[in-house]
Amino acid sequence: MQRPQRVTDLFAFVAVLATVIVLLLIGVPPESLAIVVIAMGGLYGAWLGTGQRQGRQEER
């Protein structure tokens, strides 16, 4: 299934990338950045609703 929200996906990717770069520049250890990126990815996935059950079919 292809989503029409490609611009939103690009914006989210750039936002996460910029956040990581800023955090690296201010001296945050790289190990801590993994936690931040996973949390941001999880929040974005929850916002999109990609965690729906596999067994359900959408009715149209």
PDB file of N, CA and C in Angstrom:
ATOM      1  N   MET A   1       0.845  -1.174   0.000  1.00  0.00           N
ATOM      2  CA  MET A   1       0.000   0.000   0.000  1.00  0.00           C
ATOM      3  C   MET A   1       0.893   1.240   0.000  1.00  0.00           C
ATOM      4  N   GLN A   2       0.678   2.091  -0.937  1.00  0.00           N
ATOM      5  CA  GLN A   2       1.493   3.287  -1.062  1.00  0.00           C
ATOM      6  C   GLN A   2       0.769   4.479  -0.449  1.00  0.00           C
ATOM      7  N   ARG A   3       1.450   5.192   0.425  1.00  0.00           N
ATOM      8  CA  ARG A   3       0.847   6.345   1.104  1.00  0.00           C
ATOM      9  C   ARG A   3       1.111   7.611   0.304  1.00  0.00           C
ATOM     10  N   PRO A   4       0.151   8.516   0.277  1.00  0.00           N
ATOM     11  CA  PRO A   4       0.369   9.787  -0.427  1.00  0.00           C
ATOM     12  C   PRO A   4       1.136  10.799   0.419  1.00  0.00           C
ATOM     13  N   GLN A   5       1.658  10.402   1.581  1.00  0.00           N
ATOM     14  CA  GLN A   5       2.294  11.327   2.504  1.00  0.00           C
ATOM     15  C   GLN A   5       3.819  11.322   2.346  1.00  0.00           C
ATOM     16  N   ARG A   6       4.324  11.287   1.151  1.00  0.00           N
ATOM     17  CA  ARG A   6       5.769  11.237   0.936  1.00  0.00           C
ATOM     18  C   ARG A   6       6.455  12.512   1.421  1.00  0.00           C
ATOM     19  N   VAL A   7       5.802  13.647   1.319  1.00  0.00           N
ATOM     20  CA  VAL A   7       6.387  14.898   1.779  1.00  0.00           C
ATOM     21  C   VAL A   7       6.523  14.862   3.305  1.00  0.00           C
ATOM     22  N   THR A   8       5.528  14.329   3.981  1.00  0.00           N
ATOM     23  CA  THR A   8       5.583  14.191   5.427  1.00  0.00           C
ATOM     24  C   THR A   8       6.712  13.260   5.837  1.00  0.00           C
ATOM     25  N   ASP A   9       6.886  12.160   5.111  1.00  0.00           N
ATOM     26  CA  ASP A   9       7.972  11.230   5.393  1.00  0.00           C
ATOM     27  C   ASP A   9       9.321  11.911   5.224  1.00  0.00           C
ATOM     28  N   LEU A  10       9.469  12.688   4.172  1.00  0.00           N
ATOM     29  CA  LEU A  10      10.722  13.400   3.932  1.00  0.00           C
ATOM     30  C   LEU A  10      10.979  14.419   5.041  1.00  0.00           C
ATOM     31  N   PHE A  11       9.955  15.137   5.444  1.00  0.00           N
ATOM     32  CA  PHE A  11      10.102  16.118   6.514  1.00  0.00           C
ATOM     33  C   PHE A  11      10.509  15.445   7.823  1.00  0.00           C
ATOM     34  N   ALA A  12       9.905  14.308   8.137  1.00  0.00           N
ATOM     35  CA  ALA A  12      10.251  13.583   9.362  1.00  0.00           C
ATOM     36  C   ALA A  12      11.691  13.089   9.310  1.00  0.00           C
ATOM     37  N   PHE A  13      12.130  12.584   8.167  1.00  0.00           N
ATOM     38  CA  PHE A  13      13.505  12.118   8.011  1.00  0.00           C
ATOM     39  C   PHE A  13      14.497  13.259   8.212  1.00  0.00           C
ATOM     40  N   VAL A  14      14.226  14.400   7.595  1.00  0.00           N
ATOM     41  CA  VAL A  14      15.116  15.556   7.714  1.00  0.00           C
ATOM     42  C   VAL A  14      15.121  16.076   9.160  1.00  0.00           C
ATOM     43  N   ALA A  15      13.982  16.060   9.818  1.00  0.00           N
ATOM     44  CA  ALA A  15      13.907  16.525  11.206  1.00  0.00           C
ATOM     45  C   ALA A  15      14.730  15.632  12.127  1.00  0.00           C
ATOM     46  N   VAL A  16      14.629  14.321  11.950  1.00  0.00           N
ATOM     47  CA  VAL A  16      15.414  13.401  12.774  1.00  0.00           C
ATOM     48  C   VAL A  16      16.904  13.561  12.473  1.00  0.00           C
ATOM     49  N   LEU A  17      17.253  13.688  11.213  1.00  0.00           N
ATOM     50  CA  LEU A  17      18.650  13.867  10.829  1.00  0.00           C
ATOM     51  C   LEU A  17      19.215  15.166  11.416  1.00  0.00           C
ATOM     52  N   ALA A  18      18.467  16.245  11.331  1.00  0.00           N
ATOM     53  CA  ALA A  18      18.911  17.526  11.888  1.00  0.00           C
ATOM     54  C   ALA A  18      19.055  17.443  13.405  1.00  0.00           C
ATOM     55  N   THR A  19      18.134  16.747  14.058  1.00  0.00           N
ATOM     56  CA  THR A  19      18.207  16.582  15.507  1.00  0.00           C
ATOM     57  C   THR A  19      19.469  15.835  15.906  1.00  0.00           C
ATOM     58  N   VAL A  20      19.784  14.775  15.186  1.00  0.00           N
ATOM     59  CA  VAL A  20      20.991  13.996  15.481  1.00  0.00           C
ATOM     60  C   VAL A  20      22.239  14.850  15.276  1.00  0.00           C
ATOM     61  N   ILE A  21      22.278  15.616  14.209  1.00  0.00           N
ATOM     62  CA  ILE A  21      23.446  16.470  13.945  1.00  0.00           C
ATOM     63  C   ILE A  21      23.612  17.511  15.042  1.00  0.00           C
ATOM     64  N   VAL A  22      22.523  18.148  15.448  1.00  0.00           N
ATOM     65  CA  VAL A  22      22.594  19.156  16.512  1.00  0.00           C
ATOM     66  C   VAL A  22      23.061  18.519  17.821  1.00  0.00           C
ATOM     67  N   LEU A  23      22.512  17.361  18.144  1.00  0.00           N
ATOM     68  CA  LEU A  23      22.912  16.692  19.384  1.00  0.00           C
ATOM     69  C   LEU A  23      24.382  16.284  19.354  1.00  0.00           C
ATOM     70  N   LEU A  24      24.870  15.844  18.203  1.00  0.00           N
ATOM     71  CA  LEU A  24      26.298  15.518  18.083  1.00  0.00           C
ATOM     72  C   LEU A  24      27.165  16.759  18.258  1.00  0.00           C
ATOM     73  N   LEU A  25      26.727  17.880  17.693  1.00  0.00           N
ATOM     74  CA  LEU A  25      27.508  19.112  17.787  1.00  0.00           C
ATOM     75  C   LEU A  25      27.579  19.669  19.208  1.00  0.00           C
ATOM     76  N   ILE A  26      26.549  19.417  20.016  1.00  0.00           N
ATOM     77  CA  ILE A  26      26.594  19.917  21.391  1.00  0.00           C
ATOM     78  C   ILE A  26      27.243  18.915  22.339  1.00  0.00           C
ATOM     79  N   GLY A  27      27.675  17.771  21.830  1.00  0.00           N
ATOM     80  CA  GLY A  27      28.463  16.851  22.639  1.00  0.00           C
ATOM     81  C   GLY A  27      27.736  15.682  23.262  1.00  0.00           C
ATOM     82  N   VAL A  28      26.572  15.337  22.779  1.00  0.00           N
ATOM     83  CA  VAL A  28      25.855  14.175  23.304  1.00  0.00           C
ATOM     84  C   VAL A  28      26.567  12.908  22.819  1.00  0.00           C
ATOM     85  N   PRO A  29      26.792  11.928  23.710  1.00  0.00           N
ATOM     86  CA  PRO A  29      27.465  10.692  23.287  1.00  0.00           C
ATOM     87  C   PRO A  29      26.646   9.941  22.228  1.00  0.00           C
ATOM     88  N   PRO A  30      27.320   9.336  21.239  1.00  0.00           N
ATOM     89  CA  PRO A  30      26.598   8.617  20.178  1.00  0.00           C
ATOM     90  C   PRO A  30      25.701   7.494  20.687  1.00  0.00           C
ATOM     91  N   GLU A  31      26.063   6.885  21.818  1.00  0.00           N
ATOM     92  CA  GLU A  31      25.223   5.804  22.361  1.00  0.00           C
ATOM     93  C   GLU A  31      23.836   6.319  22.753  1.00  0.00           C
ATOM     94  N   SER A  32      23.797   7.541  23.219  1.00  0.00           N
ATOM     95  CA  SER A  32      22.519   8.135  23.613  1.00  0.00           C
ATOM     96  C   SER A  32      21.668   8.501  22.406  1.00  0.00           C
ATOM     97  N   LEU A  33      22.303   8.752  21.291  1.00  0.00           N
ATOM     98  CA  LEU A  33      21.547   9.134  20.091  1.00  0.00           C
ATOM     99  C   LEU A  33      20.705   7.976  19.566  1.00  0.00           C
ATOM    100  N   ALA A  34      21.171   6.759  19.760  1.00  0.00           N
ATOM    101  CA  ALA A  34      20.380   5.603  19.314  1.00  0.00           C
ATOM    102  C   ALA A  34      19.025   5.592  20.010  1.00  0.00           C
ATOM    103  N   ILE A  35      19.014   5.900  21.291  1.00  0.00           N
ATOM    104  CA  ILE A  35      17.756   5.925  22.048  1.00  0.00           C
ATOM    105  C   ILE A  35      16.840   7.020  21.518  1.00  0.00           C
ATOM    106  N   VAL A  36      17.409   8.177  21.218  1.00  0.00           N
ATOM    107  CA  VAL A  36      16.613   9.299  20.710  1.00  0.00           C
ATOM    108  C   VAL A  36      16.007   8.960  19.351  1.00  0.00           C
ATOM    109  N   VAL A  37      16.807   8.379  18.460  1.00  0.00           N
ATOM    110  CA  VAL A  37      16.327   8.054  17.107  1.00  0.00           C
ATOM    111  C   VAL A  37      15.247   6.971  17.161  1.00  0.00           C
ATOM    112  N   ILE A  38      15.428   5.966  18.004  1.00  0.00           N
ATOM    113  CA  ILE A  38      14.413   4.912  18.127  1.00  0.00           C
ATOM    114  C   ILE A  38      13.110   5.494  18.678  1.00  0.00           C
ATOM    115  N   ALA A  39      13.220   6.383  19.663  1.00  0.00           N
ATOM    116  CA  ALA A  39      12.026   7.004  20.235  1.00  0.00           C
ATOM    117  C   ALA A  39      11.301   7.855  19.194  1.00  0.00           C
ATOM    118  N   MET A  40      12.051   8.639  18.421  1.00  0.00           N
ATOM    119  CA  MET A  40      11.423   9.478  17.389  1.00  0.00           C
ATOM    120  C   MET A  40      10.776   8.618  16.302  1.00  0.00           C
ATOM    121  N   GLY A  41      11.439   7.551  15.916  1.00  0.00           N
ATOM    122  CA  GLY A  41      10.863   6.648  14.919  1.00  0.00           C
ATOM    123  C   GLY A  41       9.591   5.991  15.416  1.00  0.00           C
ATOM    124  N   GLY A  42       9.587   5.597  16.684  1.00  0.00           N
ATOM    125  CA  GLY A  42       8.392   5.000  17.271  1.00  0.00           C
ATOM    126  C   GLY A  42       7.234   5.974  17.358  1.00  0.00           C
ATOM    127  N   LEU A  43       7.529   7.210  17.735  1.00  0.00           N
ATOM    128  CA  LEU A  43       6.477   8.220  17.795  1.00  0.00           C
ATOM    129  C   LEU A  43       5.909   8.528  16.415  1.00  0.00           C
ATOM    130  N   TYR A  44       6.786   8.594  15.416  1.00  0.00           N
ATOM    131  CA  TYR A  44       6.313   8.860  14.058  1.00  0.00           C
ATOM    132  C   TYR A  44       5.471   7.690  13.538  1.00  0.00           C
ATOM    133  N   GLY A  45       5.900   6.461  13.837  1.00  0.00           N
ATOM    134  CA  GLY A  45       5.120   5.290  13.440  1.00  0.00           C
ATOM    135  C   GLY A  45       3.761   5.257  14.114  1.00  0.00           C
ATOM    136  N   ALA A  46       3.718   5.634  15.387  1.00  0.00           N
ATOM    137  CA  ALA A  46       2.437   5.678  16.096  1.00  0.00           C
ATOM    138  C   ALA A  46       1.538   6.771  15.522  1.00  0.00           C
ATOM    139  N   TRP A  47       2.134   7.891  15.146  1.00  0.00           N
ATOM    140  CA  TRP A  47       1.355   8.986  14.562  1.00  0.00           C
ATOM    141  C   TRP A  47       0.748   8.577  13.224  1.00  0.00           C
ATOM    142  N   LEU A  48       1.510   7.806  12.438  1.00  0.00           N
ATOM    143  CA  LEU A  48       0.989   7.344  11.152  1.00  0.00           C
ATOM    144  C   LEU A  48       0.009   6.189  11.299  1.00  0.00           C
ATOM    145  N   GLY A  49       0.056   5.496  12.425  1.00  0.00           N
ATOM    146  CA  GLY A  49      -0.811   4.344  12.617  1.00  0.00           C
ATOM    147  C   GLY A  49      -0.318   3.108  11.906  1.00  0.00           C
ATOM    148  N   THR A  50       0.998   2.945  11.781  1.00  0.00           N
ATOM    149  CA  THR A  50       1.547   1.783  11.067  1.00  0.00           C
ATOM    150  C   THR A  50       1.564   0.535  11.932  1.00  0.00           C
ATOM    151  N   GLY A  51       1.211   0.634  13.198  1.00  0.00           N
ATOM    152  CA  GLY A  51       1.243  -0.518  14.084  1.00  0.00           C
ATOM    153  C   GLY A  51      -0.082  -1.245  14.158  1.00  0.00           C
ATOM    154  N   GLN A  52      -0.876  -1.229  13.095  1.00  0.00           N
ATOM    155  CA  GLN A  52      -2.167  -1.895  13.098  1.00  0.00           C
ATOM    156  C   GLN A  52      -1.977  -3.399  13.006  1.00  0.00           C
ATOM    157  N   ARG A  53      -2.977  -4.121  13.439  1.00  0.00           N
ATOM    158  CA  ARG A  53      -2.908  -5.582  13.430  1.00  0.00           C
ATOM    159  C   ARG A  53      -2.842  -6.109  12.007  1.00  0.00           C
ATOM    160  N   GLN A  54      -2.035  -7.144  11.820  1.00  0.00           N
ATOM    161  CA  GLN A  54      -1.849  -7.733  10.490  1.00  0.00           C
ATOM    162  C   GLN A  54      -3.096  -8.484  10.013  1.00  0.00           C
ATOM    163  N   GLY A  55      -3.858  -9.049  10.918  1.00  0.00           N
ATOM    164  CA  GLY A  55      -4.993  -9.877  10.531  1.00  0.00           C
ATOM    165  C   GLY A  55      -6.201  -9.107  10.028  1.00  0.00           C
ATOM    166  N   ARG A  56      -6.268  -7.855  10.321  1.00  0.00           N
ATOM    167  CA  ARG A  56      -7.434  -7.058   9.914  1.00  0.00           C
ATOM    168  C   ARG A  56      -7.285  -6.546   8.492  1.00  0.00           C
ATOM    169  N   GLN A  57      -8.387  -6.565   7.782  1.00  0.00           N
ATOM    170  CA  GLN A  57      -8.446  -6.020   6.425  1.00  0.00           C
ATOM    171  C   GLN A  57      -9.272  -4.742   6.475  1.00  0.00           C
ATOM    172  N   GLU A  58      -8.853  -3.738   5.758  1.00  0.00           N
ATOM    173  CA  GLU A  58      -9.629  -2.514   5.710  1.00  0.00           C
ATOM    174  C   GLU A  58     -10.836  -2.707   4.808  1.00  0.00           C
ATOM    175  N   GLU A  59     -11.986  -2.258   5.299  1.00  0.00           N
ATOM    176  CA  GLU A  59     -13.199  -2.332   4.498  1.00  0.00           C
ATOM    177  C   GLU A  59     -13.346  -1.067   3.683  1.00  0.00           C
ATOM    178  N   ARG A  60     -13.734  -1.208   2.446  1.00  0.00           N
ATOM    179  CA  ARG A  60     -13.909  -0.046   1.561  1.00  0.00           C
ATOM    180  C   ARG A  60     -15.278  -0.051   0.970  1.00  0.00           C
TER     181      ARG A  60
END
